[in-house]
Protein backbone atom coordinates (compact mmCIF):
# COMPACT_ATOMS: atom_id res chain seq x y z
CA MET A 1 -9.10 -0.40 -4.54
CA LEU A 2 -5.73 -1.89 -3.68
CA ILE A 3 -7.04 -5.44 -3.53
CA GLU A 4 -8.68 -4.93 -6.91
CA SER A 5 -5.47 -3.46 -8.37
CA PHE A 6 -3.49 -6.52 -7.25
CA GLY A 7 -6.07 -8.77 -8.93
CA ILE A 8 -6.21 -6.81 -12.19
CA ASN A 9 -2.51 -6.16 -12.65
CA GLN A 10 -0.88 -9.59 -12.33
CA GLY A 11 2.12 -8.59 -14.41
CA PRO A 12 3.89 -10.59 -17.09
CA PRO A 13 5.28 -14.06 -16.36
CA LEU A 14 8.68 -14.10 -14.68
CA GLY A 15 11.51 -14.69 -17.11
CA ALA A 16 9.47 -13.53 -20.11
CA THR A 17 11.44 -12.73 -23.25
CA THR A 18 11.47 -9.27 -24.79
CA ASP A 19 8.95 -10.36 -27.42
CA GLN A 20 6.69 -11.88 -24.75
CA LEU A 21 6.84 -8.66 -22.71
CA ILE A 22 5.89 -6.57 -25.75
CA ALA A 23 3.02 -8.97 -26.53
CA PHE A 24 1.90 -8.85 -22.89
CA ALA A 25 1.90 -5.04 -22.97
CA GLU A 26 -0.22 -5.01 -26.12
CA THR A 27 -2.81 -7.49 -24.87
CA HIS A 28 -2.97 -6.26 -21.25
CA PHE A 29 -2.63 -2.50 -21.80
CA ARG A 30 -6.09 -1.58 -20.45
CA ALA A 31 -5.87 -3.91 -17.45
CA VAL A 32 -2.41 -2.61 -16.49
CA MET A 33 -3.53 1.01 -16.84
CA TRP A 34 -6.67 0.40 -14.79
CA GLY A 35 -4.64 -1.44 -12.14
CA ALA A 36 -2.06 1.36 -12.12
CA TRP A 37 -4.80 3.97 -11.59
CA LEU A 38 -6.25 1.94 -8.70
CA GLN A 39 -2.79 1.51 -7.17
CA ALA A 40 -2.14 5.25 -7.39
CA VAL A 41 -5.49 6.47 -6.05
CA GLY A 42 -5.96 3.72 -3.45
CA PRO A 43 -2.87 4.69 -1.40
CA TRP A 44 -3.88 8.35 -1.60
CA LEU A 45 -7.22 7.45 -0.02
CA ILE A 46 -5.44 5.30 2.59
CA VAL A 47 -3.04 8.12 3.43
CA SER A 48 -5.93 10.59 3.68
CA PHE A 49 -7.74 8.22 6.05
CA ALA A 50 -4.59 7.60 8.13
CA LEU A 51 -4.04 11.34 8.58
CA THR A 52 -7.73 11.74 9.45
CA LEU A 53 -7.25 9.14 12.18
CA VAL A 54 -4.27 11.11 13.50
CA LYS A 55 -6.35 14.32 13.49
CA LEU A 56 -9.34 12.64 15.19
CA SER A 57 -6.95 11.24 17.79
CA GLY A 58 -5.66 14.75 18.57
CA ALA A 59 -2.12 13.61 17.78
CA MET A 60 -1.19 15.98 14.94
CA GLU A 61 1.53 17.63 17.02
CA SER A 62 2.84 14.45 18.64
CA LEU A 63 5.97 12.65 17.49
CA ALA A 64 3.90 9.62 16.47
CA GLY A 65 1.60 11.93 14.48
CA TRP A 66 4.53 13.47 12.63
CA LEU A 67 6.05 10.04 11.99
CA THR A 68 2.70 8.90 10.58
CA LEU A 69 2.82 11.85 8.18
CA LEU A 70 6.37 10.89 7.19
CA GLY A 71 5.33 7.25 6.75
CA ALA A 72 2.36 8.34 4.63
CA SER A 73 4.72 10.34 2.41
CA ILE A 74 7.05 7.36 2.01
CA LEU A 75 4.13 5.05 1.20
CA MET A 76 2.86 7.45 -1.50
CA MET A 77 6.31 7.81 -3.02
CA VAL A 78 6.84 4.04 -3.18
CA SER A 79 3.36 3.37 -4.57
CA LEU A 80 3.64 6.06 -7.25
CA ALA A 81 7.15 4.95 -8.24
CA GLU A 82 5.90 1.39 -8.70
CA VAL A 83 2.97 2.67 -10.80
CA VAL A 84 5.35 4.65 -13.03
CA PHE A 85 7.21 1.46 -13.90
CA TYR A 86 3.99 -0.49 -14.51
CA ILE A 87 3.09 2.14 -17.08
CA SER A 88 6.55 2.48 -18.61
CA ALA A 89 6.70 -1.32 -19.09
CA LEU A 90 3.86 -0.92 -21.60
CA ASP A 91 6.03 1.13 -23.95
CA PRO A 92 7.45 -1.06 -26.73
CA VAL A 93 10.20 1.47 -27.60
CA PRO A 94 12.97 0.83 -26.87
CA ALA A 95 12.46 -2.93 -27.04
CA LEU A 96 14.08 -3.48 -23.63
CA MET A 97 11.73 -1.04 -21.86
CA GLY A 98 9.53 -3.87 -20.56
CA GLU A 99 12.48 -5.77 -19.09
CA ILE A 100 14.01 -2.68 -17.51
CA SER A 101 10.72 -1.39 -16.11
CA ASN A 102 9.73 -4.79 -14.70
CA ALA A 103 13.13 -5.19 -13.04
CA ILE A 104 12.85 -1.76 -11.42
CA GLY A 105 9.23 -2.49 -10.42
CA HIS A 106 10.35 -5.66 -8.63
CA ALA A 107 13.08 -3.68 -6.88
CA ILE A 108 10.57 -1.08 -5.71
CA GLN A 109 8.33 -3.79 -4.24
CA HIS A 110 11.08 -4.44 -1.67
CA LEU A 111 10.67 -0.88 -0.43
CA TYR A 112 7.01 -1.42 0.35
CA PHE A 113 7.84 -4.24 2.73
CA PHE A 114 10.89 -3.01 4.58
CA ILE A 115 10.10 0.72 4.82
CA ALA A 116 6.80 2.01 3.35
CA ALA A 117 4.24 -0.16 5.17
CA PRO A 118 6.13 -0.24 8.50
CA ALA A 119 6.74 3.52 8.36
CA LEU A 120 2.98 4.10 8.21
CA PHE A 121 1.55 1.29 10.35
CA LEU A 122 3.96 1.47 13.31
CA PRO A 123 3.52 5.17 14.19
CA LEU A 124 -0.20 5.02 13.38
CA GLY A 125 -0.50 2.09 15.77
CA ALA A 126 1.23 4.21 18.42
CA VAL A 127 -1.20 7.10 17.76
CA LEU A 128 -4.21 4.81 18.07
CA TRP A 129 -2.88 3.16 21.25
CA SER A 130 -3.85 6.15 23.39
CA SER A 131 -6.88 7.15 21.34
CA SER A 132 -10.55 6.21 21.55
CA VAL A 133 -11.16 6.76 17.83
CA LEU A 134 -10.90 3.01 17.21
CA PRO A 135 -11.00 0.04 19.59
CA ARG A 136 -7.58 -0.91 21.03
CA ILE A 137 -7.42 -4.03 18.83
CA PHE A 138 -6.83 -1.78 15.79
CA SER A 139 -3.75 -0.33 17.44
CA VAL A 140 -2.43 -3.78 18.27
CA LEU A 141 -3.12 -5.03 14.75
CA ALA A 142 -1.49 -1.96 13.18
CA LEU A 143 1.65 -2.56 15.23
CA LEU A 144 1.65 -6.27 14.32
CA ILE A 145 1.09 -5.54 10.62
CA GLY A 146 3.88 -2.97 10.59
CA ALA A 147 6.24 -5.39 12.34
CA ALA A 148 5.24 -8.25 10.02
CA PHE A 149 5.93 -6.16 6.92
CA PHE A 150 9.32 -5.17 8.33
CA VAL A 151 10.24 -8.79 9.14
CA LEU A 152 9.09 -9.99 5.70
CA GLY A 153 11.06 -7.17 4.08
CA ILE A 154 14.25 -7.95 5.96
CA SER A 155 13.92 -11.72 5.55
CA SER A 156 13.56 -11.33 1.77
CA LEU A 157 16.21 -8.63 1.46
CA TYR A 158 18.52 -10.82 -0.62
CA GLU A 159 15.82 -12.06 -3.00
CA ARG A 160 15.93 -10.26 -6.33
CA ILE A 161 12.19 -10.80 -6.79
CA LEU A 162 9.86 -11.16 -3.81
CA SER A 163 8.28 -14.59 -3.50
CA THR A 164 4.55 -15.13 -3.85
CA ALA A 165 4.47 -16.11 -0.17
CA VAL A 166 5.75 -12.63 0.73
CA THR A 167 3.71 -10.59 -1.76
CA SER A 168 0.50 -12.45 -0.84
CA PHE A 169 0.71 -10.74 2.56
CA ALA A 170 0.37 -7.27 0.99
CA PRO A 171 -3.39 -7.36 0.30
CA LEU A 172 -4.11 -8.37 3.91
CA GLN A 173 -3.29 -4.87 5.15
CA ALA A 174 -6.12 -3.54 2.98
CA LEU A 175 -8.52 -5.47 5.22
CA TRP A 176 -7.26 -3.45 8.21
CA TRP A 177 -8.06 -0.19 6.39
CA LEU A 178 -11.48 -1.44 5.36
CA ALA A 179 -12.37 -2.62 8.88
CA ALA A 180 -11.08 0.62 10.43
CA ALA A 181 -13.12 2.71 7.98
CA ILE A 182 -16.28 0.72 8.73
CA VAL A 183 -15.81 1.19 12.49
CA VAL A 184 -15.15 4.93 12.14
CA LEU A 185 -18.25 5.36 9.94
CA TRP A 186 -20.39 3.31 12.32
CA ARG A 187 -19.15 5.24 15.37
CA SER A 188 -19.61 8.64 13.71
CA ARG A 189 -23.14 7.71 12.66
CA ARG A 190 -23.95 6.55 16.20
CA MET A 191 -22.53 9.78 17.68
CA ALA A 192 -24.58 11.87 15.23
CA GLU A 193 -27.74 9.98 16.18
CA GLU A 194 -26.99 10.48 19.90
CA ALA A 195 -26.41 14.20 19.34
CA ARG A 196 -29.78 14.53 17.57
CA SER A 197 -31.70 12.79 20.37
């Protein structure tokens, strides 16, 4: 869902005038709303899956488990805040709403890199390190993804708008979630078949 939302909701061109932003909002209203919905629901599903992994790992009462819950909360807050400004940018009244909302949306994107993604991936990687729910490679990759997001966030801290090189990394984390979900489903199916036989 996240990968699709990034593809649907490309946003207006950088440096667009007020009139161009209003025109963009009128012509792309449905696409932006659909992308906003996907970007709101997708993280909720990711957070639900992350907390399921913590529960399956038996780490709900561990520090890493609690930090994963905190990271999930931060991720949801950042994602929903960004979605609010996608939607508010569609409002043509007042005329500057598009400019203001887009500027705030770009500011919020920084949060995803230097706090939201690392705050979820790093403790989840620690939870999975001592768990057999997923192969060890998922723990290693979660820790690397969390660290990479943090480094990208810090290295672009003084950029007003994140570069395409930085933002193009964001969809890659969705592949981790997809692969992890496939492995969990495959393993649970195999365990159910073994229990029946």
